[in-house]
């Protein structure tokens, strides 16, 4: 069963996504659809794509995106050791400014592991 923090994140994300889609034109809806399509299994497995999304989100310093990709990584059975390496890549690419995001990401990862 997901922790309270994970449930709260998902509930808020879903509520806000519904609001965005309520007012969206076809271009925004197409983007949302494309986003879902890109992360499916293809030449690269979905888990690998989620790790790529995670490192990009870390470098861009988007905490919501980081949480989303962490949860998808968890669903795709990505290990803690793999997450640690993803964070190392993000730290090298993004620099020390990513450290606060890494802290919060490890906290969220622990919530996912409960």
PDB file of N, CA and C in Angstrom:
ATOM      1  N   UNK A   1       0.837  -1.181   0.000  1.00  0.00           N
ATOM      2  CA  UNK A   1       0.000   0.000   0.000  1.00  0.00           C
ATOM      3  C   UNK A   1       0.885   1.249   0.000  1.00  0.00           C
ATOM      4  N   UNK A   2       0.617   2.207  -0.874  1.00  0.00           N
ATOM      5  CA  UNK A   2       1.451   3.404  -0.946  1.00  0.00           C
ATOM      6  C   UNK A   2       1.388   4.216   0.348  1.00  0.00           C
ATOM      7  N   UNK A   3       2.490   4.874   0.664  1.00  0.00           N
ATOM      8  CA  UNK A   3       2.528   5.714   1.856  1.00  0.00           C
ATOM      9  C   UNK A   3       1.636   6.942   1.653  1.00  0.00           C
ATOM     10  N   UNK A   4       1.365   7.622   2.744  1.00  0.00           N
ATOM     11  CA  UNK A   4       0.516   8.815   2.692  1.00  0.00           C
ATOM     12  C   UNK A   4       1.128   9.877   1.771  1.00  0.00           C
ATOM     13  N   UNK A   5       2.448  10.061   1.838  1.00  0.00           N
ATOM     14  CA  UNK A   5       3.110  11.053   0.985  1.00  0.00           C
ATOM     15  C   UNK A   5       2.947  10.715  -0.495  1.00  0.00           C
ATOM     16  N   UNK A   6       3.072   9.449  -0.831  1.00  0.00           N
ATOM     17  CA  UNK A   6       2.916   9.010  -2.220  1.00  0.00           C
ATOM     18  C   UNK A   6       1.474   9.204  -2.662  1.00  0.00           C
ATOM     19  N   UNK A   7       0.529   8.825  -1.808  1.00  0.00           N
ATOM     20  CA  UNK A   7      -0.887   9.003  -2.136  1.00  0.00           C
ATOM     21  C   UNK A   7      -1.230  10.481  -2.326  1.00  0.00           C
ATOM     22  N   UNK A   8      -0.716  11.344  -1.453  1.00  0.00           N
ATOM     23  CA  UNK A   8      -0.975  12.781  -1.566  1.00  0.00           C
ATOM     24  C   UNK A   8      -0.410  13.342  -2.870  1.00  0.00           C
ATOM     25  N   UNK A   9       0.792  12.936  -3.220  1.00  0.00           N
ATOM     26  CA  UNK A   9       1.397  13.394  -4.468  1.00  0.00           C
ATOM     27  C   UNK A   9       0.542  12.983  -5.657  1.00  0.00           C
ATOM     28  N   UNK A  10       0.150  11.714  -5.704  1.00  0.00           N
ATOM     29  CA  UNK A  10      -0.641  11.218  -6.834  1.00  0.00           C
ATOM     30  C   UNK A  10      -2.010  11.881  -6.909  1.00  0.00           C
ATOM     31  N   UNK A  11      -2.633  12.073  -5.776  1.00  0.00           N
ATOM     32  CA  UNK A  11      -3.941  12.711  -5.742  1.00  0.00           C
ATOM     33  C   UNK A  11      -3.864  14.143  -6.282  1.00  0.00           C
ATOM     34  N   UNK A  12      -2.886  14.887  -5.817  1.00  0.00           N
ATOM     35  CA  UNK A  12      -2.717  16.281  -6.276  1.00  0.00           C
ATOM     36  C   UNK A  12      -2.357  16.328  -7.761  1.00  0.00           C
ATOM     37  N   UNK A  13      -1.478  15.451  -8.185  1.00  0.00           N
ATOM     38  CA  UNK A  13      -1.081  15.413  -9.598  1.00  0.00           C
ATOM     39  C   UNK A  13      -2.285  15.100 -10.478  1.00  0.00           C
ATOM     40  N   UNK A  14      -3.064  14.103 -10.102  1.00  0.00           N
ATOM     41  CA  UNK A  14      -4.242  13.736 -10.888  1.00  0.00           C
ATOM     42  C   UNK A  14      -5.272  14.859 -10.923  1.00  0.00           C
ATOM     43  N   UNK A  15      -5.490  15.508  -9.784  1.00  0.00           N
ATOM     44  CA  UNK A  15      -6.443  16.613  -9.724  1.00  0.00           C
ATOM     45  C   UNK A  15      -6.008  17.746 -10.661  1.00  0.00           C
ATOM     46  N   UNK A  16      -4.740  18.089 -10.621  1.00  0.00           N
ATOM     47  CA  UNK A  16      -4.245  19.181 -11.457  1.00  0.00           C
ATOM     48  C   UNK A  16      -4.202  18.793 -12.930  1.00  0.00           C
ATOM     49  N   UNK A  17      -3.874  17.543 -13.224  1.00  0.00           N
ATOM     50  CA  UNK A  17      -3.916  17.088 -14.621  1.00  0.00           C
ATOM     51  C   UNK A  17      -5.332  17.172 -15.172  1.00  0.00           C
ATOM     52  N   UNK A  18      -6.310  16.777 -14.363  1.00  0.00           N
ATOM     53  CA  UNK A  18      -7.703  16.881 -14.797  1.00  0.00           C
ATOM     54  C   UNK A  18      -8.079  18.327 -15.092  1.00  0.00           C
ATOM     55  N   UNK A  19      -7.604  19.230 -14.263  1.00  0.00           N
ATOM     56  CA  UNK A  19      -7.877  20.651 -14.470  1.00  0.00           C
ATOM     57  C   UNK A  19      -7.231  21.155 -15.763  1.00  0.00           C
ATOM     58  N   UNK A  20      -5.986  20.772 -15.988  1.00  0.00           N
ATOM     59  CA  UNK A  20      -5.294  21.167 -17.225  1.00  0.00           C
ATOM     60  C   UNK A  20      -6.056  20.645 -18.438  1.00  0.00           C
ATOM     61  N   UNK A  21      -6.415  19.365 -18.399  1.00  0.00           N
ATOM     62  CA  UNK A  21      -7.096  18.760 -19.551  1.00  0.00           C
ATOM     63  C   UNK A  21      -8.489  19.353 -19.767  1.00  0.00           C
ATOM     64  N   UNK A  22      -9.121  19.803 -18.707  1.00  0.00           N
ATOM     65  CA  UNK A  22     -10.435  20.436 -18.828  1.00  0.00           C
ATOM     66  C   UNK A  22     -10.359  21.682 -19.711  1.00  0.00           C
ATOM     67  N   UNK A  23      -9.286  22.439 -19.582  1.00  0.00           N
ATOM     68  CA  UNK A  23      -9.150  23.706 -20.303  1.00  0.00           C
ATOM     69  C   UNK A  23      -8.219  23.621 -21.511  1.00  0.00           C
ATOM     70  N   UNK A  24      -7.736  22.437 -21.813  1.00  0.00           N
ATOM     71  CA  UNK A  24      -6.715  22.288 -22.847  1.00  0.00           C
ATOM     72  C   UNK A  24      -7.292  22.277 -24.251  1.00  0.00           C
ATOM     73  N   UNK A  25      -6.466  22.771 -25.154  1.00  0.00           N
ATOM     74  CA  UNK A  25      -6.779  22.630 -26.570  1.00  0.00           C
ATOM     75  C   UNK A  25      -6.147  21.329 -27.065  1.00  0.00           C
ATOM     76  N   UNK A  26      -6.309  21.054 -28.344  1.00  0.00           N
ATOM     77  CA  UNK A  26      -5.826  19.769 -28.851  1.00  0.00           C
ATOM     78  C   UNK A  26      -4.307  19.638 -28.785  1.00  0.00           C
ATOM     79  N   UNK A  27      -3.573  20.752 -28.864  1.00  0.00           N
ATOM     80  CA  UNK A  27      -2.110  20.657 -28.814  1.00  0.00           C
ATOM     81  C   UNK A  27      -1.634  20.174 -27.449  1.00  0.00           C
ATOM     82  N   UNK A  28      -2.226  20.707 -26.381  1.00  0.00           N
ATOM     83  CA  UNK A  28      -1.837  20.257 -25.039  1.00  0.00           C
ATOM     84  C   UNK A  28      -2.228  18.802 -24.846  1.00  0.00           C
ATOM     85  N   UNK A  29      -3.405  18.430 -25.292  1.00  0.00           N
ATOM     86  CA  UNK A  29      -3.842  17.035 -25.169  1.00  0.00           C
ATOM     87  C   UNK A  29      -2.935  16.112 -25.977  1.00  0.00           C
ATOM     88  N   UNK A  30      -2.494  16.559 -27.136  1.00  0.00           N
ATOM     89  CA  UNK A  30      -1.565  15.753 -27.943  1.00  0.00           C
ATOM     90  C   UNK A  30      -0.230  15.581 -27.222  1.00  0.00           C
ATOM     91  N   UNK A  31       0.234  16.640 -26.567  1.00  0.00           N
ATOM     92  CA  UNK A  31       1.490  16.546 -25.822  1.00  0.00           C
ATOM     93  C   UNK A  31       1.357  15.520 -24.698  1.00  0.00           C
ATOM     94  N   UNK A  32       0.261  15.576 -23.947  1.00  0.00           N
ATOM     95  CA  UNK A  32       0.046  14.608 -22.871  1.00  0.00           C
ATOM     96  C   UNK A  32       0.045  13.190 -23.434  1.00  0.00           C
ATOM     97  N   UNK A  33      -0.593  12.991 -24.561  1.00  0.00           N
ATOM     98  CA  UNK A  33      -0.640  11.676 -25.189  1.00  0.00           C
ATOM     99  C   UNK A  33       0.748  11.226 -25.639  1.00  0.00           C
ATOM    100  N   UNK A  34       1.487  12.127 -26.260  1.00  0.00           N
ATOM    101  CA  UNK A  34       2.831  11.798 -26.712  1.00  0.00           C
ATOM    102  C   UNK A  34       3.727  11.431 -25.537  1.00  0.00           C
ATOM    103  N   UNK A  35       3.579  12.159 -24.445  1.00  0.00           N
ATOM    104  CA  UNK A  35       4.373  11.871 -23.251  1.00  0.00           C
ATOM    105  C   UNK A  35       4.151  10.430 -22.800  1.00  0.00           C
ATOM    106  N   UNK A  36       2.906   9.980 -22.791  1.00  0.00           N
ATOM    107  CA  UNK A  36       2.610   8.595 -22.397  1.00  0.00           C
ATOM    108  C   UNK A  36       3.186   7.594 -23.394  1.00  0.00           C
ATOM    109  N   UNK A  37       3.113   7.920 -24.669  1.00  0.00           N
ATOM    110  CA  UNK A  37       3.588   7.003 -25.705  1.00  0.00           C
ATOM    111  C   UNK A  37       5.108   6.825 -25.662  1.00  0.00           C
ATOM    112  N   UNK A  38       5.819   7.884 -25.385  1.00  0.00           N
ATOM    113  CA  UNK A  38       7.285   7.853 -25.413  1.00  0.00           C
ATOM    114  C   UNK A  38       7.848   6.881 -24.378  1.00  0.00           C
ATOM    115  N   UNK A  39       7.179   6.748 -23.239  1.00  0.00           N
ATOM    116  CA  UNK A  39       7.717   5.937 -22.153  1.00  0.00           C
ATOM    117  C   UNK A  39       7.321   4.464 -22.222  1.00  0.00           C
ATOM    118  N   UNK A  40       6.679   4.043 -23.304  1.00  0.00           N
ATOM    119  CA  UNK A  40       6.338   2.621 -23.469  1.00  0.00           C
ATOM    120  C   UNK A  40       7.573   1.823 -23.889  1.00  0.00           C
ATOM    121  N   UNK A  41       7.511   0.513 -23.672  1.00  0.00           N
ATOM    122  CA  UNK A  41       8.567  -0.385 -24.155  1.00  0.00           C
ATOM    123  C   UNK A  41       8.694  -0.247 -25.671  1.00  0.00           C
ATOM    124  N   UNK A  42       9.906  -0.161 -26.142  1.00  0.00           N
ATOM    125  CA  UNK A  42      10.201  -0.150 -27.567  1.00  0.00           C
ATOM    126  C   UNK A  42      11.639  -0.623 -27.690  1.00  0.00           C
ATOM    127  N   UNK A  43      12.475   0.061 -28.471  1.00  0.00           N
ATOM    128  CA  UNK A  43      13.879  -0.329 -28.564  1.00  0.00           C
ATOM    129  C   UNK A  43      14.525  -0.277 -27.174  1.00  0.00           C
ATOM    130  N   UNK A  44      14.101   0.707 -26.374  1.00  0.00           N
ATOM    131  CA  UNK A  44      14.527   0.782 -24.979  1.00  0.00           C
ATOM    132  C   UNK A  44      13.362   0.334 -24.098  1.00  0.00           C
ATOM    133  N   UNK A  45      13.645  -0.451 -23.067  1.00  0.00           N
ATOM    134  CA  UNK A  45      12.578  -0.846 -22.152  1.00  0.00           C
ATOM    135  C   UNK A  45      12.029   0.362 -21.386  1.00  0.00           C
ATOM    136  N   UNK A  46      10.775   0.261 -20.970  1.00  0.00           N
ATOM    137  CA  UNK A  46      10.119   1.358 -20.250  1.00  0.00           C
ATOM    138  C   UNK A  46      10.921   1.784 -19.014  1.00  0.00           C
ATOM    139  N   UNK A  47      11.474   0.830 -18.290  1.00  0.00           N
ATOM    140  CA  UNK A  47      12.257   1.167 -17.095  1.00  0.00           C
ATOM    141  C   UNK A  47      13.474   2.023 -17.414  1.00  0.00           C
ATOM    142  N   UNK A  48      14.145   1.705 -18.501  1.00  0.00           N
ATOM    143  CA  UNK A  48      15.291   2.514 -18.923  1.00  0.00           C
ATOM    144  C   UNK A  48      14.843   3.917 -19.280  1.00  0.00           C
ATOM    145  N   UNK A  49      13.731   4.026 -19.984  1.00  0.00           N
ATOM    146  CA  UNK A  49      13.214   5.341 -20.354  1.00  0.00           C
ATOM    147  C   UNK A  49      12.821   6.143 -19.116  1.00  0.00           C
ATOM    148  N   UNK A  50      12.283   5.477 -18.114  1.00  0.00           N
ATOM    149  CA  UNK A  50      11.932   6.187 -16.878  1.00  0.00           C
ATOM    150  C   UNK A  50      13.190   6.682 -16.163  1.00  0.00           C
ATOM    151  N   UNK A  51      14.256   5.892 -16.196  1.00  0.00           N
ATOM    152  CA  UNK A  51      15.517   6.364 -15.603  1.00  0.00           C
ATOM    153  C   UNK A  51      16.061   7.561 -16.371  1.00  0.00           C
ATOM    154  N   UNK A  52      15.920   7.547 -17.694  1.00  0.00           N
ATOM    155  CA  UNK A  52      16.338   8.702 -18.489  1.00  0.00           C
ATOM    156  C   UNK A  52      15.496   9.931 -18.136  1.00  0.00           C
ATOM    157  N   UNK A  53      14.187   9.723 -17.999  1.00  0.00           N
ATOM    158  CA  UNK A  53      13.318  10.817 -17.592  1.00  0.00           C
ATOM    159  C   UNK A  53      13.680  11.331 -16.203  1.00  0.00           C
ATOM    160  N   UNK A  54      14.054  10.419 -15.319  1.00  0.00           N
ATOM    161  CA  UNK A  54      14.441  10.797 -13.963  1.00  0.00           C
ATOM    162  C   UNK A  54      15.700  11.657 -13.960  1.00  0.00           C
ATOM    163  N   UNK A  55      16.710  11.249 -14.700  1.00  0.00           N
ATOM    164  CA  UNK A  55      17.944  12.043 -14.705  1.00  0.00           C
ATOM    165  C   UNK A  55      17.706  13.406 -15.361  1.00  0.00           C
ATOM    166  N   UNK A  56      16.899  13.449 -16.411  1.00  0.00           N
ATOM    167  CA  UNK A  56      16.581  14.739 -17.040  1.00  0.00           C
ATOM    168  C   UNK A  56      15.818  15.629 -16.067  1.00  0.00           C
ATOM    169  N   UNK A  57      14.875  15.052 -15.341  1.00  0.00           N
ATOM    170  CA  UNK A  57      14.095  15.830 -14.370  1.00  0.00           C
ATOM    171  C   UNK A  57      14.972  16.339 -13.236  1.00  0.00           C
ATOM    172  N   UNK A  58      15.933  15.534 -12.828  1.00  0.00           N
ATOM    173  CA  UNK A  58      16.867  15.954 -11.788  1.00  0.00           C
ATOM    174  C   UNK A  58      17.704  17.132 -12.265  1.00  0.00           C
ATOM    175  N   UNK A  59      18.231  17.031 -13.461  1.00  0.00           N
ATOM    176  CA  UNK A  59      19.054  18.112 -14.015  1.00  0.00           C
ATOM    177  C   UNK A  59      18.229  19.391 -14.197  1.00  0.00           C
ATOM    178  N   UNK A  60      16.969  19.216 -14.597  1.00  0.00           N
ATOM    179  CA  UNK A  60      16.089  20.381 -14.769  1.00  0.00           C
ATOM    180  C   UNK A  60      15.502  20.862 -13.445  1.00  0.00           C
ATOM    181  N   UNK A  61      15.721  20.105 -12.388  1.00  0.00           N
ATOM    182  CA  UNK A  61      15.316  20.461 -11.025  1.00  0.00           C
ATOM    183  C   UNK A  61      13.800  20.603 -10.880  1.00  0.00           C
ATOM    184  N   UNK A  62      13.081  19.615 -11.394  1.00  0.00           N
ATOM    185  CA  UNK A  62      11.619  19.586 -11.292  1.00  0.00           C
ATOM    186  C   UNK A  62      11.226  18.505 -10.284  1.00  0.00           C
ATOM    187  N   UNK A  63      10.943  18.906  -9.052  1.00  0.00           N
ATOM    188  CA  UNK A  63      10.632  17.929  -8.012  1.00  0.00           C
ATOM    189  C   UNK A  63       9.403  17.082  -8.338  1.00  0.00           C
ATOM    190  N   UNK A  64       8.367  17.679  -8.918  1.00  0.00           N
ATOM    191  CA  UNK A  64       7.194  16.882  -9.296  1.00  0.00           C
ATOM    192  C   UNK A  64       7.568  15.820 -10.328  1.00  0.00           C
ATOM    193  N   UNK A  65       8.359  16.209 -11.302  1.00  0.00           N
ATOM    194  CA  UNK A  65       8.787  15.264 -12.337  1.00  0.00           C
ATOM    195  C   UNK A  65       9.669  14.169 -11.738  1.00  0.00           C
ATOM    196  N   UNK A  66      10.534  14.550 -10.830  1.00  0.00           N
ATOM    197  CA  UNK A  66      11.395  13.577 -10.163  1.00  0.00           C
ATOM    198  C   UNK A  66      10.541  12.538  -9.438  1.00  0.00           C
ATOM    199  N   UNK A  67       9.550  12.998  -8.690  1.00  0.00           N
ATOM    200  CA  UNK A  67       8.675  12.069  -7.961  1.00  0.00           C
ATOM    201  C   UNK A  67       7.920  11.165  -8.929  1.00  0.00           C
ATOM    202  N   UNK A  68       7.404  11.745  -9.990  1.00  0.00           N
ATOM    203  CA  UNK A  68       6.671  10.956 -10.972  1.00  0.00           C
ATOM    204  C   UNK A  68       7.558   9.841 -11.547  1.00  0.00           C
ATOM    205  N   UNK A  69       8.759  10.207 -11.983  1.00  0.00           N
ATOM    206  CA  UNK A  69       9.649   9.201 -12.582  1.00  0.00           C
ATOM    207  C   UNK A  69      10.164   8.201 -11.546  1.00  0.00           C
ATOM    208  N   UNK A  70      10.349   8.641 -10.305  1.00  0.00           N
ATOM    209  CA  UNK A  70      10.725   7.685  -9.264  1.00  0.00           C
ATOM    210  C   UNK A  70       9.637   6.632  -9.082  1.00  0.00           C
ATOM    211  N   UNK A  71       8.393   7.084  -9.065  1.00  0.00           N
ATOM    212  CA  UNK A  71       7.305   6.125  -8.906  1.00  0.00           C
ATOM    213  C   UNK A  71       7.238   5.170 -10.092  1.00  0.00           C
ATOM    214  N   UNK A  72       7.426   5.691 -11.293  1.00  0.00           N
ATOM    215  CA  UNK A  72       7.422   4.826 -12.482  1.00  0.00           C
ATOM    216  C   UNK A  72       8.614   3.874 -12.453  1.00  0.00           C
ATOM    217  N   UNK A  73       9.761   4.349 -11.982  1.00  0.00           N
ATOM    218  CA  UNK A  73      10.926   3.463 -11.832  1.00  0.00           C
ATOM    219  C   UNK A  73      10.599   2.337 -10.849  1.00  0.00           C
ATOM    220  N   UNK A  74       9.973   2.688  -9.757  1.00  0.00           N
ATOM    221  CA  UNK A  74       9.591   1.689  -8.760  1.00  0.00           C
ATOM    222  C   UNK A  74       8.646   0.649  -9.372  1.00  0.00           C
ATOM    223  N   UNK A  75       7.660   1.122 -10.145  1.00  0.00           N
ATOM    224  CA  UNK A  75       6.726   0.216 -10.820  1.00  0.00           C
ATOM    225  C   UNK A  75       7.442  -0.704 -11.811  1.00  0.00           C
ATOM    226  N   UNK A  76       8.533  -0.202 -12.395  1.00  0.00           N
ATOM    227  CA  UNK A  76       9.299  -0.980 -13.371  1.00  0.00           C
ATOM    228  C   UNK A  76      10.424  -1.791 -12.723  1.00  0.00           C
ATOM    229  N   UNK A  77      10.363  -1.916 -11.406  1.00  0.00           N
ATOM    230  CA  UNK A  77      11.305  -2.768 -10.653  1.00  0.00           C
ATOM    231  C   UNK A  77      12.757  -2.293 -10.744  1.00  0.00           C
ATOM    232  N   UNK A  78      12.958  -0.994 -10.893  1.00  0.00           N
ATOM    233  CA  UNK A  78      14.311  -0.437 -10.865  1.00  0.00           C
ATOM    234  C   UNK A  78      14.813  -0.544  -9.424  1.00  0.00           C
ATOM    235  N   UNK A  79      16.053  -0.932  -9.257  1.00  0.00           N
ATOM    236  CA  UNK A  79      16.604  -1.154  -7.923  1.00  0.00           C
ATOM    237  C   UNK A  79      17.132   0.148  -7.312  1.00  0.00           C
ATOM    238  N   UNK A  80      17.328   0.107  -6.013  1.00  0.00           N
ATOM    239  CA  UNK A  80      17.920   1.252  -5.321  1.00  0.00           C
ATOM    240  C   UNK A  80      19.318   1.523  -5.857  1.00  0.00           C
ATOM    241  N   UNK A  81      20.072   0.480  -6.147  1.00  0.00           N
ATOM    242  CA  UNK A  81      21.420   0.674  -6.703  1.00  0.00           C
ATOM    243  C   UNK A  81      21.348   1.407  -8.046  1.00  0.00           C
ATOM    244  N   UNK A  82      20.370   1.069  -8.865  1.00  0.00           N
ATOM    245  CA  UNK A  82      20.212   1.757 -10.151  1.00  0.00           C
ATOM    246  C   UNK A  82      19.815   3.225  -9.937  1.00  0.00           C
ATOM    247  N   UNK A  83      18.936   3.470  -8.972  1.00  0.00           N
ATOM    248  CA  UNK A  83      18.535   4.845  -8.662  1.00  0.00           C
ATOM    249  C   UNK A  83      19.746   5.650  -8.200  1.00  0.00           C
ATOM    250  N   UNK A  84      20.575   5.063  -7.376  1.00  0.00           N
ATOM    251  CA  UNK A  84      21.788   5.748  -6.915  1.00  0.00           C
ATOM    252  C   UNK A  84      22.666   6.148  -8.099  1.00  0.00           C
ATOM    253  N   UNK A  85      22.801   5.271  -9.087  1.00  0.00           N
ATOM    254  CA  UNK A  85      23.612   5.598 -10.261  1.00  0.00           C
ATOM    255  C   UNK A  85      22.961   6.683 -11.103  1.00  0.00           C
ATOM    256  N   UNK A  86      21.643   6.643 -11.234  1.00  0.00           N
ATOM    257  CA  UNK A  86      20.934   7.698 -11.966  1.00  0.00           C
ATOM    258  C   UNK A  86      21.201   9.043 -11.297  1.00  0.00           C
ATOM    259  N   UNK A  87      21.125   9.072  -9.963  1.00  0.00           N
ATOM    260  CA  UNK A  87      21.374  10.321  -9.248  1.00  0.00           C
ATOM    261  C   UNK A  87      22.819  10.783  -9.428  1.00  0.00           C
ATOM    262  N   UNK A  88      23.740   9.842  -9.504  1.00  0.00           N
ATOM    263  CA  UNK A  88      25.147  10.209  -9.737  1.00  0.00           C
ATOM    264  C   UNK A  88      25.319  10.864 -11.098  1.00  0.00           C
ATOM    265  N   UNK A  89      24.667  10.312 -12.112  1.00  0.00           N
ATOM    266  CA  UNK A  89      24.728  10.920 -13.445  1.00  0.00           C
ATOM    267  C   UNK A  89      24.106  12.318 -13.404  1.00  0.00           C
ATOM    268  N   UNK A  90      22.955  12.439 -12.764  1.00  0.00           N
ATOM    269  CA  UNK A  90      22.302  13.740 -12.656  1.00  0.00           C
ATOM    270  C   UNK A  90      23.153  14.759 -11.928  1.00  0.00           C
ATOM    271  N   UNK A  91      23.840  14.320 -10.895  1.00  0.00           N
ATOM    272  CA  UNK A  91      24.714  15.219 -10.142  1.00  0.00           C
ATOM    273  C   UNK A  91      25.890  15.692 -10.987  1.00  0.00           C
ATOM    274  N   UNK A  92      26.495  14.780 -11.743  1.00  0.00           N
ATOM    275  CA  UNK A  92      27.622  15.157 -12.605  1.00  0.00           C
ATOM    276  C   UNK A  92      27.172  16.121 -13.687  1.00  0.00           C
ATOM    277  N   UNK A  93      26.024  15.837 -14.314  1.00  0.00           N
ATOM    278  CA  UNK A  93      25.534  16.680 -15.402  1.00  0.00           C
ATOM    279  C   UNK A  93      25.002  18.011 -14.871  1.00  0.00           C
ATOM    280  N   UNK A  94      24.244  17.951 -13.771  1.00  0.00           N
ATOM    281  CA  UNK A  94      23.564  19.139 -13.268  1.00  0.00           C
ATOM    282  C   UNK A  94      24.342  19.943 -12.248  1.00  0.00           C
ATOM    283  N   UNK A  95      25.340  19.334 -11.637  1.00  0.00           N
ATOM    284  CA  UNK A  95      26.135  20.039 -10.649  1.00  0.00           C
ATOM    285  C   UNK A  95      25.522  20.023  -9.255  1.00  0.00           C
ATOM    286  N   UNK A  96      26.207  20.700  -8.346  1.00  0.00           N
ATOM    287  CA  UNK A  96      25.815  20.650  -6.934  1.00  0.00           C
ATOM    288  C   UNK A  96      24.441  21.260  -6.666  1.00  0.00           C
ATOM    289  N   UNK A  97      23.913  22.059  -7.593  1.00  0.00           N
ATOM    290  CA  UNK A  97      22.588  22.644  -7.401  1.00  0.00           C
ATOM    291  C   UNK A  97      21.497  21.564  -7.367  1.00  0.00           C
ATOM    292  N   UNK A  98      21.820  20.356  -7.842  1.00  0.00           N
ATOM    293  CA  UNK A  98      20.845  19.269  -7.810  1.00  0.00           C
ATOM    294  C   UNK A  98      20.784  18.564  -6.450  1.00  0.00           C
ATOM    295  N   UNK A  99      21.725  18.842  -5.564  1.00  0.00           N
ATOM    296  CA  UNK A  99      21.795  18.121  -4.289  1.00  0.00           C
ATOM    297  C   UNK A  99      20.503  18.240  -3.472  1.00  0.00           C
ATOM    298  N   UNK A 100      19.894  19.428  -3.316  1.00  0.00           N
ATOM    299  CA  UNK A 100      18.635  19.469  -2.566  1.00  0.00           C
ATOM    300  C   UNK A 100      17.543  18.589  -3.194  1.00  0.00           C
ATOM    301  N   UNK A 101      17.543  18.497  -4.510  1.00  0.00           N
ATOM    302  CA  UNK A 101      16.559  17.663  -5.204  1.00  0.00           C
ATOM    303  C   UNK A 101      16.861  16.185  -4.986  1.00  0.00           C
ATOM    304  N   UNK A 102      18.131  15.840  -4.928  1.00  0.00           N
ATOM    305  CA  UNK A 102      18.533  14.465  -4.640  1.00  0.00           C
ATOM    306  C   UNK A 102      18.103  14.082  -3.229  1.00  0.00           C
ATOM    307  N   UNK A 103      18.256  15.006  -2.293  1.00  0.00           N
ATOM    308  CA  UNK A 103      17.817  14.729  -0.914  1.00  0.00           C
ATOM    309  C   UNK A 103      16.328  14.382  -0.881  1.00  0.00           C
ATOM    310  N   UNK A 104      15.521  15.245  -1.508  1.00  0.00           N
ATOM    311  CA  UNK A 104      14.074  15.012  -1.504  1.00  0.00           C
ATOM    312  C   UNK A 104      13.724  13.759  -2.301  1.00  0.00           C
ATOM    313  N   UNK A 105      14.493  13.476  -3.340  1.00  0.00           N
ATOM    314  CA  UNK A 105      14.246  12.282  -4.158  1.00  0.00           C
ATOM    315  C   UNK A 105      14.503  11.009  -3.355  1.00  0.00           C
ATOM    316  N   UNK A 106      15.580  10.970  -2.593  1.00  0.00           N
ATOM    317  CA  UNK A 106      15.833   9.793  -1.760  1.00  0.00           C
ATOM    318  C   UNK A 106      14.747   9.627  -0.706  1.00  0.00           C
ATOM    319  N   UNK A 107      14.265  10.732  -0.172  1.00  0.00           N
ATOM    320  CA  UNK A 107      13.179  10.658   0.802  1.00  0.00           C
ATOM    321  C   UNK A 107      11.929  10.048   0.159  1.00  0.00           C
ATOM    322  N   UNK A 108      11.598  10.497  -1.053  1.00  0.00           N
ATOM    323  CA  UNK A 108      10.432   9.963  -1.752  1.00  0.00           C
ATOM    324  C   UNK A 108      10.651   8.489  -2.126  1.00  0.00           C
ATOM    325  N   UNK A 109      11.859   8.159  -2.546  1.00  0.00           N
ATOM    326  CA  UNK A 109      12.178   6.755  -2.885  1.00  0.00           C
ATOM    327  C   UNK A 109      11.931   5.864  -1.663  1.00  0.00           C
ATOM    328  N   UNK A 110      12.361   6.316  -0.490  1.00  0.00           N
ATOM    329  CA  UNK A 110      12.116   5.532   0.718  1.00  0.00           C
ATOM    330  C   UNK A 110      10.625   5.340   0.957  1.00  0.00           C
ATOM    331  N   UNK A 111       9.827   6.363   0.672  1.00  0.00           N
ATOM    332  CA  UNK A 111       8.374   6.235   0.820  1.00  0.00           C
ATOM    333  C   UNK A 111       7.833   5.168  -0.143  1.00  0.00           C
ATOM    334  N   UNK A 112       8.376   5.125  -1.339  1.00  0.00           N
ATOM    335  CA  UNK A 112       7.941   4.123  -2.320  1.00  0.00           C
ATOM    336  C   UNK A 112       8.318   2.714  -1.894  1.00  0.00           C
ATOM    337  N   UNK A 113       9.414   2.579  -1.190  1.00  0.00           N
ATOM    338  CA  UNK A 113       9.882   1.258  -0.765  1.00  0.00           C
ATOM    339  C   UNK A 113       9.111   0.706   0.435  1.00  0.00           C
ATOM    340  N   UNK A 114       8.350   1.559   1.105  1.00  0.00           N
ATOM    341  CA  UNK A 114       7.587   1.092   2.290  1.00  0.00           C
ATOM    342  C   UNK A 114       6.507   0.116   1.907  1.00  0.00           C
TER     343      UNK A 114
END
